[in-house]
Amino acid sequence: GQGIKSPGSRIVIDGYADDGTPEAIYVQGASGFTLSVQW
């Protein structure tokens, strides 16, 4: 139901649904795995 309104510091929105909803992010500059998905 909810979704990203404004991305946090270092959050890169790397994927969007057809309607513009952010669906895939990662933390820029992080040395570890930070991939996250809305689905």
ModelCIF file with pLDDT and N, C-alpha, C, O atoms, coordinates in Angstrom:
data_MODEL
#
_entry.id   MODEL 
#
_entity.id                         1 
_entity.type                       polymer 
_entity.pdbx_number_of_molecules   1 
#
_entity_poly.entity_id                      1 
_entity_poly.type                           'polypeptide(L)' 
_entity_poly.nstd_linkage                   no 
_entity_poly.nstd_monomer                   no 
_entity_poly.pdbx_seq_one_letter_code       GQGIKSPGSRIVIDGYADDGTPEAIYVQGASGFTLSVQW 
_entity_poly.pdbx_seq_one_letter_code_can   GQGIKSPGSRIVIDGYADDGTPEAIYVQGASGFTLSVQW 
_entity_poly.pdbx_strand_id                 A 
#
loop_
_entity_poly_seq.entity_id 
_entity_poly_seq.num 
_entity_poly_seq.mon_id 
_entity_poly_seq.hetero 
1 1  GLY n 
1 2  GLN n 
1 3  GLY n 
1 4  ILE n 
1 5  LYS n 
1 6  SER n 
1 7  PRO n 
1 8  GLY n 
1 9  SER n 
1 10 ARG n 
1 11 ILE n 
1 12 VAL n 
1 13 ILE n 
1 14 ASP n 
1 15 GLY n 
1 16 TYR n 
1 17 ALA n 
1 18 ASP n 
1 19 ASP n 
1 20 GLY n 
1 21 THR n 
1 22 PRO n 
1 23 GLU n 
1 24 ALA n 
1 25 ILE n 
1 26 TYR n 
1 27 VAL n 
1 28 GLN n 
1 29 GLY n 
1 30 ALA n 
1 31 SER n 
1 32 GLY n 
1 33 PHE n 
1 34 THR n 
1 35 LEU n 
1 36 SER n 
1 37 VAL n 
1 38 GLN n 
1 39 TRP n 
#
_struct_asym.id          A 
_struct_asym.entity_id   1 
#
loop_
_ma_qa_metric.id 
_ma_qa_metric.mode 
_ma_qa_metric.name 
_ma_qa_metric.software_group_id 
_ma_qa_metric.type 
1 global pLDDT . pLDDT 
2 local  pLDDT . pLDDT 
#
_ma_qa_metric_global.metric_id      1 
_ma_qa_metric_global.metric_value   96.74 
_ma_qa_metric_global.model_id       1 
_ma_qa_metric_global.ordinal_id     1 
#
loop_
_ma_qa_metric_local.label_asym_id 
_ma_qa_metric_local.label_comp_id 
_ma_qa_metric_local.label_seq_id 
_ma_qa_metric_local.metric_id 
_ma_qa_metric_local.metric_value 
_ma_qa_metric_local.model_id 
_ma_qa_metric_local.ordinal_id 
A GLY 1  2 87.00 1 1  
A GLN 2  2 92.00 1 2  
A GLY 3  2 94.00 1 3  
A ILE 4  2 97.00 1 4  
A LYS 5  2 97.00 1 5  
A SER 6  2 98.00 1 6  
A PRO 7  2 98.00 1 7  
A GLY 8  2 98.00 1 8  
A SER 9  2 97.00 1 9  
A ARG 10 2 97.00 1 10 
A ILE 11 2 98.00 1 11 
A VAL 12 2 98.00 1 12 
A ILE 13 2 98.00 1 13 
A ASP 14 2 98.00 1 14 
A GLY 15 2 98.00 1 15 
A TYR 16 2 98.00 1 16 
A ALA 17 2 97.00 1 17 
A ASP 18 2 95.00 1 18 
A ASP 19 2 94.00 1 19 
A GLY 20 2 95.00 1 20 
A THR 21 2 96.00 1 21 
A PRO 22 2 97.00 1 22 
A GLU 23 2 98.00 1 23 
A ALA 24 2 98.00 1 24 
A ILE 25 2 98.00 1 25 
A TYR 26 2 98.00 1 26 
A VAL 27 2 98.00 1 27 
A GLN 28 2 98.00 1 28 
A GLY 29 2 96.00 1 29 
A ALA 30 2 97.00 1 30 
A SER 31 2 95.00 1 31 
A GLY 32 2 96.00 1 32 
A PHE 33 2 98.00 1 33 
A THR 34 2 98.00 1 34 
A LEU 35 2 98.00 1 35 
A SER 36 2 98.00 1 36 
A VAL 37 2 98.00 1 37 
A GLN 38 2 97.00 1 38 
A TRP 39 2 97.00 1 39 
#
loop_
_atom_site.group_PDB 
_atom_site.id 
_atom_site.type_symbol 
_atom_site.label_atom_id 
_atom_site.label_alt_id 
_atom_site.label_comp_id 
_atom_site.label_asym_id 
_atom_site.label_entity_id 
_atom_site.label_seq_id 
_atom_site.pdbx_PDB_ins_code 
_atom_site.Cartn_x 
_atom_site.Cartn_y 
_atom_site.Cartn_z 
_atom_site.occupancy 
_atom_site.B_iso_or_equiv 
_atom_site.pdbx_formal_charge 
_atom_site.auth_seq_id 
_atom_site.auth_comp_id 
_atom_site.auth_asym_id 
_atom_site.auth_atom_id 
_atom_site.pdbx_PDB_model_num 
ATOM 1   N N  . GLY A 1 1  ? 0.807  -1.207 0.000   1.00 87.00 ? 1  GLY A N  1 
ATOM 2   C CA . GLY A 1 1  ? 0.000  0.000  0.000   1.00 87.00 ? 1  GLY A CA 1 
ATOM 3   C C  . GLY A 1 1  ? 0.837  1.252  0.000   1.00 87.00 ? 1  GLY A C  1 
ATOM 4   O O  . GLY A 1 1  ? 0.512  2.221  -0.687  1.00 87.00 ? 1  GLY A O  1 
ATOM 5   N N  . GLN A 1 2  ? 1.924  1.246  0.772   1.00 92.00 ? 2  GLN A N  1 
ATOM 6   C CA . GLN A 1 2  ? 2.778  2.417  0.886   1.00 92.00 ? 2  GLN A CA 1 
ATOM 7   C C  . GLN A 1 2  ? 3.913  2.370  -0.136  1.00 92.00 ? 2  GLN A C  1 
ATOM 8   O O  . GLN A 1 2  ? 4.115  1.357  -0.806  1.00 92.00 ? 2  GLN A O  1 
ATOM 9   N N  . GLY A 1 3  ? 4.646  3.466  -0.247  1.00 94.00 ? 3  GLY A N  1 
ATOM 10  C CA . GLY A 1 3  ? 5.769  3.528  -1.170  1.00 94.00 ? 3  GLY A CA 1 
ATOM 11  C C  . GLY A 1 3  ? 6.621  4.747  -0.906  1.00 94.00 ? 3  GLY A C  1 
ATOM 12  O O  . GLY A 1 3  ? 6.255  5.618  -0.117  1.00 94.00 ? 3  GLY A O  1 
ATOM 13  N N  . ILE A 1 4  ? 7.749  4.803  -1.565  1.00 97.00 ? 4  ILE A N  1 
ATOM 14  C CA . ILE A 1 4  ? 8.695  5.900  -1.353  1.00 97.00 ? 4  ILE A CA 1 
ATOM 15  C C  . ILE A 1 4  ? 8.117  7.228  -1.833  1.00 97.00 ? 4  ILE A C  1 
ATOM 16  O O  . ILE A 1 4  ? 7.627  7.343  -2.957  1.00 97.00 ? 4  ILE A O  1 
ATOM 17  N N  . LYS A 1 5  ? 8.186  8.223  -0.955  1.00 97.00 ? 5  LYS A N  1 
ATOM 18  C CA . LYS A 1 5  ? 7.817  9.601  -1.293  1.00 97.00 ? 5  LYS A CA 1 
ATOM 19  C C  . LYS A 1 5  ? 9.072  10.378 -1.665  1.00 97.00 ? 5  LYS A C  1 
ATOM 20  O O  . LYS A 1 5  ? 9.163  10.930 -2.762  1.00 97.00 ? 5  LYS A O  1 
ATOM 21  N N  . SER A 1 6  ? 10.029 10.421 -0.764  1.00 98.00 ? 6  SER A N  1 
ATOM 22  C CA . SER A 1 6  ? 11.329 11.036 -1.066  1.00 98.00 ? 6  SER A CA 1 
ATOM 23  C C  . SER A 1 6  ? 12.411 10.056 -0.662  1.00 98.00 ? 6  SER A C  1 
ATOM 24  O O  . SER A 1 6  ? 12.328 9.453  0.408   1.00 98.00 ? 6  SER A O  1 
ATOM 25  N N  . PRO A 1 7  ? 13.432 9.882  -1.503  1.00 98.00 ? 7  PRO A N  1 
ATOM 26  C CA . PRO A 1 7  ? 14.495 8.932  -1.182  1.00 98.00 ? 7  PRO A CA 1 
ATOM 27  C C  . PRO A 1 7  ? 15.405 9.473  -0.084  1.00 98.00 ? 7  PRO A C  1 
ATOM 28  O O  . PRO A 1 7  ? 15.658 10.675 -0.008  1.00 98.00 ? 7  PRO A O  1 
ATOM 29  N N  . GLY A 1 8  ? 15.889 8.573  0.760   1.00 98.00 ? 8  GLY A N  1 
ATOM 30  C CA . GLY A 1 8  ? 16.808 8.958  1.813   1.00 98.00 ? 8  GLY A CA 1 
ATOM 31  C C  . GLY A 1 8  ? 18.190 9.266  1.278   1.00 98.00 ? 8  GLY A C  1 
ATOM 32  O O  . GLY A 1 8  ? 18.469 9.076  0.094   1.00 98.00 ? 8  GLY A O  1 
ATOM 33  N N  . SER A 1 9  ? 19.047 9.740  2.156   1.00 97.00 ? 9  SER A N  1 
ATOM 34  C CA . SER A 1 9  ? 20.425 10.026 1.800   1.00 97.00 ? 9  SER A CA 1 
ATOM 35  C C  . SER A 1 9  ? 21.112 8.769  1.279   1.00 97.00 ? 9  SER A C  1 
ATOM 36  O O  . SER A 1 9  ? 21.081 7.722  1.927   1.00 97.00 ? 9  SER A O  1 
ATOM 37  N N  . ARG A 1 10 ? 21.736 8.877  0.099   1.00 97.00 ? 10 ARG A N  1 
ATOM 38  C CA . ARG A 1 10 ? 22.481 7.794  -0.542  1.00 97.00 ? 10 ARG A CA 1 
ATOM 39  C C  . ARG A 1 10 ? 21.593 6.722  -1.149  1.00 97.00 ? 10 ARG A C  1 
ATOM 40  O O  . ARG A 1 10 ? 22.098 5.755  -1.718  1.00 97.00 ? 10 ARG A O  1 
ATOM 41  N N  . ILE A 1 11 ? 20.264 6.878  -1.037  1.00 98.00 ? 11 ILE A N  1 
ATOM 42  C CA . ILE A 1 11 ? 19.374 5.906  -1.658  1.00 98.00 ? 11 ILE A CA 1 
ATOM 43  C C  . ILE A 1 11 ? 19.282 6.188  -3.154  1.00 98.00 ? 11 ILE A C  1 
ATOM 44  O O  . ILE A 1 11 ? 18.913 7.287  -3.569  1.00 98.00 ? 11 ILE A O  1 
ATOM 45  N N  . VAL A 1 12 ? 19.618 5.193  -3.949  1.00 98.00 ? 12 VAL A N  1 
ATOM 46  C CA . VAL A 1 12 ? 19.497 5.290  -5.402  1.00 98.00 ? 12 VAL A CA 1 
ATOM 47  C C  . VAL A 1 12 ? 18.278 4.483  -5.832  1.00 98.00 ? 12 VAL A C  1 
ATOM 48  O O  . VAL A 1 12 ? 18.213 3.275  -5.606  1.00 98.00 ? 12 VAL A O  1 
ATOM 49  N N  . ILE A 1 13 ? 17.316 5.155  -6.451  1.00 98.00 ? 13 ILE A N  1 
ATOM 50  C CA . ILE A 1 13 ? 16.158 4.456  -7.016  1.00 98.00 ? 13 ILE A CA 1 
ATOM 51  C C  . ILE A 1 13 ? 16.575 3.951  -8.391  1.00 98.00 ? 13 ILE A C  1 
ATOM 52  O O  . ILE A 1 13 ? 16.780 4.731  -9.321  1.00 98.00 ? 13 ILE A O  1 
ATOM 53  N N  . ASP A 1 14 ? 16.697 2.636  -8.503  1.00 98.00 ? 14 ASP A N  1 
ATOM 54  C CA . ASP A 1 14 ? 17.273 2.018  -9.701  1.00 98.00 ? 14 ASP A CA 1 
ATOM 55  C C  . ASP A 1 14 ? 16.226 1.329  -10.569 1.00 98.00 ? 14 ASP A C  1 
ATOM 56  O O  . ASP A 1 14 ? 16.549 0.797  -11.631 1.00 98.00 ? 14 ASP A O  1 
ATOM 57  N N  . GLY A 1 15 ? 14.948 1.337  -10.111 1.00 98.00 ? 15 GLY A N  1 
ATOM 58  C CA . GLY A 1 15 ? 13.906 0.712  -10.904 1.00 98.00 ? 15 GLY A CA 1 
ATOM 59  C C  . GLY A 1 15 ? 12.536 1.255  -10.540 1.00 98.00 ? 15 GLY A C  1 
ATOM 60  O O  . GLY A 1 15 ? 12.260 1.547  -9.376  1.00 98.00 ? 15 GLY A O  1 
ATOM 61  N N  . TYR A 1 16 ? 11.677 1.388  -11.548 1.00 98.00 ? 16 TYR A N  1 
ATOM 62  C CA . TYR A 1 16 ? 10.336 1.948  -11.368 1.00 98.00 ? 16 TYR A CA 1 
ATOM 63  C C  . TYR A 1 16 ? 9.290  1.046  -12.017 1.00 98.00 ? 16 TYR A C  1 
ATOM 64  O O  . TYR A 1 16 ? 9.555  0.389  -13.023 1.00 98.00 ? 16 TYR A O  1 
ATOM 65  N N  . ALA A 1 17 ? 8.085  1.028  -11.415 1.00 97.00 ? 17 ALA A N  1 
ATOM 66  C CA . ALA A 1 17 ? 6.931  0.421  -12.069 1.00 97.00 ? 17 ALA A CA 1 
ATOM 67  C C  . ALA A 1 17 ? 6.460  1.338  -13.200 1.00 97.00 ? 17 ALA A C  1 
ATOM 68  O O  . ALA A 1 17 ? 6.922  2.469  -13.344 1.00 97.00 ? 17 ALA A O  1 
ATOM 69  N N  . ASP A 1 18 ? 5.529  0.815  -13.993 1.00 95.00 ? 18 ASP A N  1 
ATOM 70  C CA . ASP A 1 18 ? 5.033  1.582  -15.136 1.00 95.00 ? 18 ASP A CA 1 
ATOM 71  C C  . ASP A 1 18 ? 4.418  2.911  -14.723 1.00 95.00 ? 18 ASP A C  1 
ATOM 72  O O  . ASP A 1 18 ? 4.450  3.870  -15.494 1.00 95.00 ? 18 ASP A O  1 
ATOM 73  N N  . ASP A 1 19 ? 3.853  2.984  -13.509 1.00 94.00 ? 19 ASP A N  1 
ATOM 74  C CA . ASP A 1 19 ? 3.180  4.212  -13.065 1.00 94.00 ? 19 ASP A CA 1 
ATOM 75  C C  . ASP A 1 19 ? 4.106  5.170  -12.319 1.00 94.00 ? 19 ASP A C  1 
ATOM 76  O O  . ASP A 1 19 ? 3.649  6.164  -11.755 1.00 94.00 ? 19 ASP A O  1 
ATOM 77  N N  . GLY A 1 20 ? 5.404  4.873  -12.314 1.00 95.00 ? 20 GLY A N  1 
ATOM 78  C CA . GLY A 1 20 ? 6.371  5.752  -11.669 1.00 95.00 ? 20 GLY A CA 1 
ATOM 79  C C  . GLY A 1 20 ? 6.664  5.427  -10.222 1.00 95.00 ? 20 GLY A C  1 
ATOM 80  O O  . GLY A 1 20 ? 7.419  6.153  -9.576  1.00 95.00 ? 20 GLY A O  1 
ATOM 81  N N  . THR A 1 21 ? 6.089  4.355  -9.688  1.00 96.00 ? 21 THR A N  1 
ATOM 82  C CA . THR A 1 21 ? 6.347  3.965  -8.306  1.00 96.00 ? 21 THR A CA 1 
ATOM 83  C C  . THR A 1 21 ? 7.740  3.343  -8.180  1.00 96.00 ? 21 THR A C  1 
ATOM 84  O O  . THR A 1 21 ? 8.059  2.418  -8.927  1.00 96.00 ? 21 THR A O  1 
ATOM 85  N N  . PRO A 1 22 ? 8.579  3.828  -7.253  1.00 97.00 ? 22 PRO A N  1 
ATOM 86  C CA . PRO A 1 22 ? 9.900  3.230  -7.055  1.00 97.00 ? 22 PRO A CA 1 
ATOM 87  C C  . PRO A 1 22 ? 9.783  1.769  -6.627  1.00 97.00 ? 22 PRO A C  1 
ATOM 88  O O  . PRO A 1 22 ? 8.990  1.437  -5.746  1.00 97.00 ? 22 PRO A O  1 
ATOM 89  N N  . GLU A 1 23 ? 10.575 0.901  -7.252  1.00 98.00 ? 23 GLU A N  1 
ATOM 90  C CA . GLU A 1 23 ? 10.472 -0.534 -7.003  1.00 98.00 ? 23 GLU A CA 1 
ATOM 91  C C  . GLU A 1 23 ? 11.809 -1.195 -6.665  1.00 98.00 ? 23 GLU A C  1 
ATOM 92  O O  . GLU A 1 23 ? 11.818 -2.313 -6.149  1.00 98.00 ? 23 GLU A O  1 
ATOM 93  N N  . ALA A 1 24 ? 12.919 -0.546 -6.936  1.00 98.00 ? 24 ALA A N  1 
ATOM 94  C CA . ALA A 1 24 ? 14.230 -1.160 -6.687  1.00 98.00 ? 24 ALA A CA 1 
ATOM 95  C C  . ALA A 1 24 ? 15.210 -0.073 -6.247  1.00 98.00 ? 24 ALA A C  1 
ATOM 96  O O  . ALA A 1 24 ? 15.335 0.961  -6.903  1.00 98.00 ? 24 ALA A O  1 
ATOM 97  N N  . ILE A 1 25 ? 15.900 -0.312 -5.139  1.00 98.00 ? 25 ILE A N  1 
ATOM 98  C CA . ILE A 1 25 ? 16.847 0.676  -4.600  1.00 98.00 ? 25 ILE A CA 1 
ATOM 99  C C  . ILE A 1 25 ? 18.113 -0.024 -4.106  1.00 98.00 ? 25 ILE A C  1 
ATOM 100 O O  . ILE A 1 25 ? 18.151 -1.240 -3.918  1.00 98.00 ? 25 ILE A O  1 
ATOM 101 N N  . TYR A 1 26 ? 19.139 0.791  -3.904  1.00 98.00 ? 26 TYR A N  1 
ATOM 102 C CA . TYR A 1 26 ? 20.337 0.359  -3.182  1.00 98.00 ? 26 TYR A CA 1 
ATOM 103 C C  . TYR A 1 26 ? 20.952 1.589  -2.529  1.00 98.00 ? 26 TYR A C  1 
ATOM 104 O O  . TYR A 1 26 ? 20.581 2.720  -2.841  1.00 98.00 ? 26 TYR A O  1 
ATOM 105 N N  . VAL A 1 27 ? 21.900 1.356  -1.617  1.00 98.00 ? 27 VAL A N  1 
ATOM 106 C CA . VAL A 1 27 ? 22.557 2.451  -0.901  1.00 98.00 ? 27 VAL A CA 1 
ATOM 107 C C  . VAL A 1 27 ? 23.873 2.770  -1.599  1.00 98.00 ? 27 VAL A C  1 
ATOM 108 O O  . VAL A 1 27 ? 24.786 1.945  -1.640  1.00 98.00 ? 27 VAL A O  1 
ATOM 109 N N  . GLN A 1 28 ? 23.954 3.964  -2.138  1.00 98.00 ? 28 GLN A N  1 
ATOM 110 C CA . GLN A 1 28 ? 25.136 4.371  -2.898  1.00 98.00 ? 28 GLN A CA 1 
ATOM 111 C C  . GLN A 1 28 ? 26.369 4.399  -2.010  1.00 98.00 ? 28 GLN A C  1 
ATOM 112 O O  . GLN A 1 28 ? 26.340 4.950  -0.909  1.00 98.00 ? 28 GLN A O  1 
ATOM 113 N N  . GLY A 1 29 ? 27.449 3.804  -2.492  1.00 96.00 ? 29 GLY A N  1 
ATOM 114 C CA . GLY A 1 29 ? 28.720 3.832  -1.776  1.00 96.00 ? 29 GLY A CA 1 
ATOM 115 C C  . GLY A 1 29 ? 28.849 2.808  -0.669  1.00 96.00 ? 29 GLY A C  1 
ATOM 116 O O  . GLY A 1 29 ? 29.907 2.715  -0.047  1.00 96.00 ? 29 GLY A O  1 
ATOM 117 N N  . ALA A 1 30 ? 27.800 2.032  -0.401  1.00 97.00 ? 30 ALA A N  1 
ATOM 118 C CA . ALA A 1 30 ? 27.890 0.996  0.635   1.00 97.00 ? 30 ALA A CA 1 
ATOM 119 C C  . ALA A 1 30 ? 28.803 -0.123 0.145   1.00 97.00 ? 30 ALA A C  1 
ATOM 120 O O  . ALA A 1 30 ? 28.771 -0.486 -1.031  1.00 97.00 ? 30 ALA A O  1 
ATOM 121 N N  . SER A 1 31 ? 29.608 -0.663 1.040   1.00 95.00 ? 31 SER A N  1 
ATOM 122 C CA . SER A 1 31 ? 30.539 -1.710 0.640   1.00 95.00 ? 31 SER A CA 1 
ATOM 123 C C  . SER A 1 31 ? 29.901 -3.083 0.602   1.00 95.00 ? 31 SER A C  1 
ATOM 124 O O  . SER A 1 31 ? 30.469 -4.008 0.022   1.00 95.00 ? 31 SER A O  1 
ATOM 125 N N  . GLY A 1 32 ? 28.730 -3.240 1.210   1.00 96.00 ? 32 GLY A N  1 
ATOM 126 C CA . GLY A 1 32 ? 28.043 -4.521 1.216   1.00 96.00 ? 32 GLY A CA 1 
ATOM 127 C C  . GLY A 1 32 ? 26.800 -4.526 0.359   1.00 96.00 ? 32 GLY A C  1 
ATOM 128 O O  . GLY A 1 32 ? 26.453 -3.516 -0.254  1.00 96.00 ? 32 GLY A O  1 
ATOM 129 N N  . PHE A 1 33 ? 26.124 -5.672 0.315   1.00 98.00 ? 33 PHE A N  1 
ATOM 130 C CA . PHE A 1 33 ? 24.896 -5.854 -0.452  1.00 98.00 ? 33 PHE A CA 1 
ATOM 131 C C  . PHE A 1 33 ? 23.767 -5.091 0.239   1.00 98.00 ? 33 PHE A C  1 
ATOM 132 O O  . PHE A 1 33 ? 23.473 -5.351 1.406   1.00 98.00 ? 33 PHE A O  1 
ATOM 133 N N  . THR A 1 34 ? 23.131 -4.154 -0.468  1.00 98.00 ? 34 THR A N  1 
ATOM 134 C CA . THR A 1 34 ? 22.033 -3.359 0.100   1.00 98.00 ? 34 THR A CA 1 
ATOM 135 C C  . THR A 1 34 ? 20.819 -3.322 -0.836  1.00 98.00 ? 34 THR A C  1 
ATOM 136 O O  . THR A 1 34 ? 19.934 -2.481 -0.675  1.00 98.00 ? 34 THR A O  1 
ATOM 137 N N  . LEU A 1 35 ? 20.781 -4.227 -1.803  1.00 98.00 ? 35 LEU A N  1 
ATOM 138 C CA . LEU A 1 35 ? 19.674 -4.196 -2.757  1.00 98.00 ? 35 LEU A CA 1 
ATOM 139 C C  . LEU A 1 35 ? 18.350 -4.478 -2.046  1.00 98.00 ? 35 LEU A C  1 
ATOM 140 O O  . LEU A 1 35 ? 18.267 -5.348 -1.178  1.00 98.00 ? 35 LEU A O  1 
ATOM 141 N N  . SER A 1 36 ? 17.327 -3.730 -2.430  1.00 98.00 ? 36 SER A N  1 
ATOM 142 C CA . SER A 1 36 ? 16.000 -3.871 -1.826  1.00 98.00 ? 36 SER A CA 1 
ATOM 143 C C  . SER A 1 36 ? 14.953 -3.643 -2.899  1.00 98.00 ? 36 SER A C  1 
ATOM 144 O O  . SER A 1 36 ? 15.132 -2.825 -3.801  1.00 98.00 ? 36 SER A O  1 
ATOM 145 N N  . VAL A 1 37 ? 13.833 -4.393 -2.785  1.00 98.00 ? 37 VAL A N  1 
ATOM 146 C CA . VAL A 1 37 ? 12.784 -4.310 -3.802  1.00 98.00 ? 37 VAL A CA 1 
ATOM 147 C C  . VAL A 1 37 ? 11.428 -4.158 -3.143  1.00 98.00 ? 37 VAL A C  1 
ATOM 148 O O  . VAL A 1 37 ? 11.210 -4.639 -2.031  1.00 98.00 ? 37 VAL A O  1 
ATOM 149 N N  . GLN A 1 38 ? 10.512 -3.482 -3.837  1.00 97.00 ? 38 GLN A N  1 
ATOM 150 C CA . GLN A 1 38 ? 9.184  -3.238 -3.288  1.00 97.00 ? 38 GLN A CA 1 
ATOM 151 C C  . GLN A 1 38 ? 8.257  -4.447 -3.470  1.00 97.00 ? 38 GLN A C  1 
ATOM 152 O O  . GLN A 1 38 ? 7.268  -4.581 -2.750  1.00 97.00 ? 38 GLN A O  1 
ATOM 153 N N  . TRP A 1 39 ? 8.571  -5.316 -4.421  1.00 97.00 ? 39 TRP A N  1 
ATOM 154 C CA . TRP A 1 39 ? 7.725  -6.489 -4.645  1.00 97.00 ? 39 TRP A CA 1 
ATOM 155 C C  . TRP A 1 39 ? 8.148  -7.645 -3.722  1.00 97.00 ? 39 TRP A C  1 
ATOM 156 O O  . TRP A 1 39 ? 7.550  -8.721 -3.765  1.00 97.00 ? 39 TRP A O  1 
#
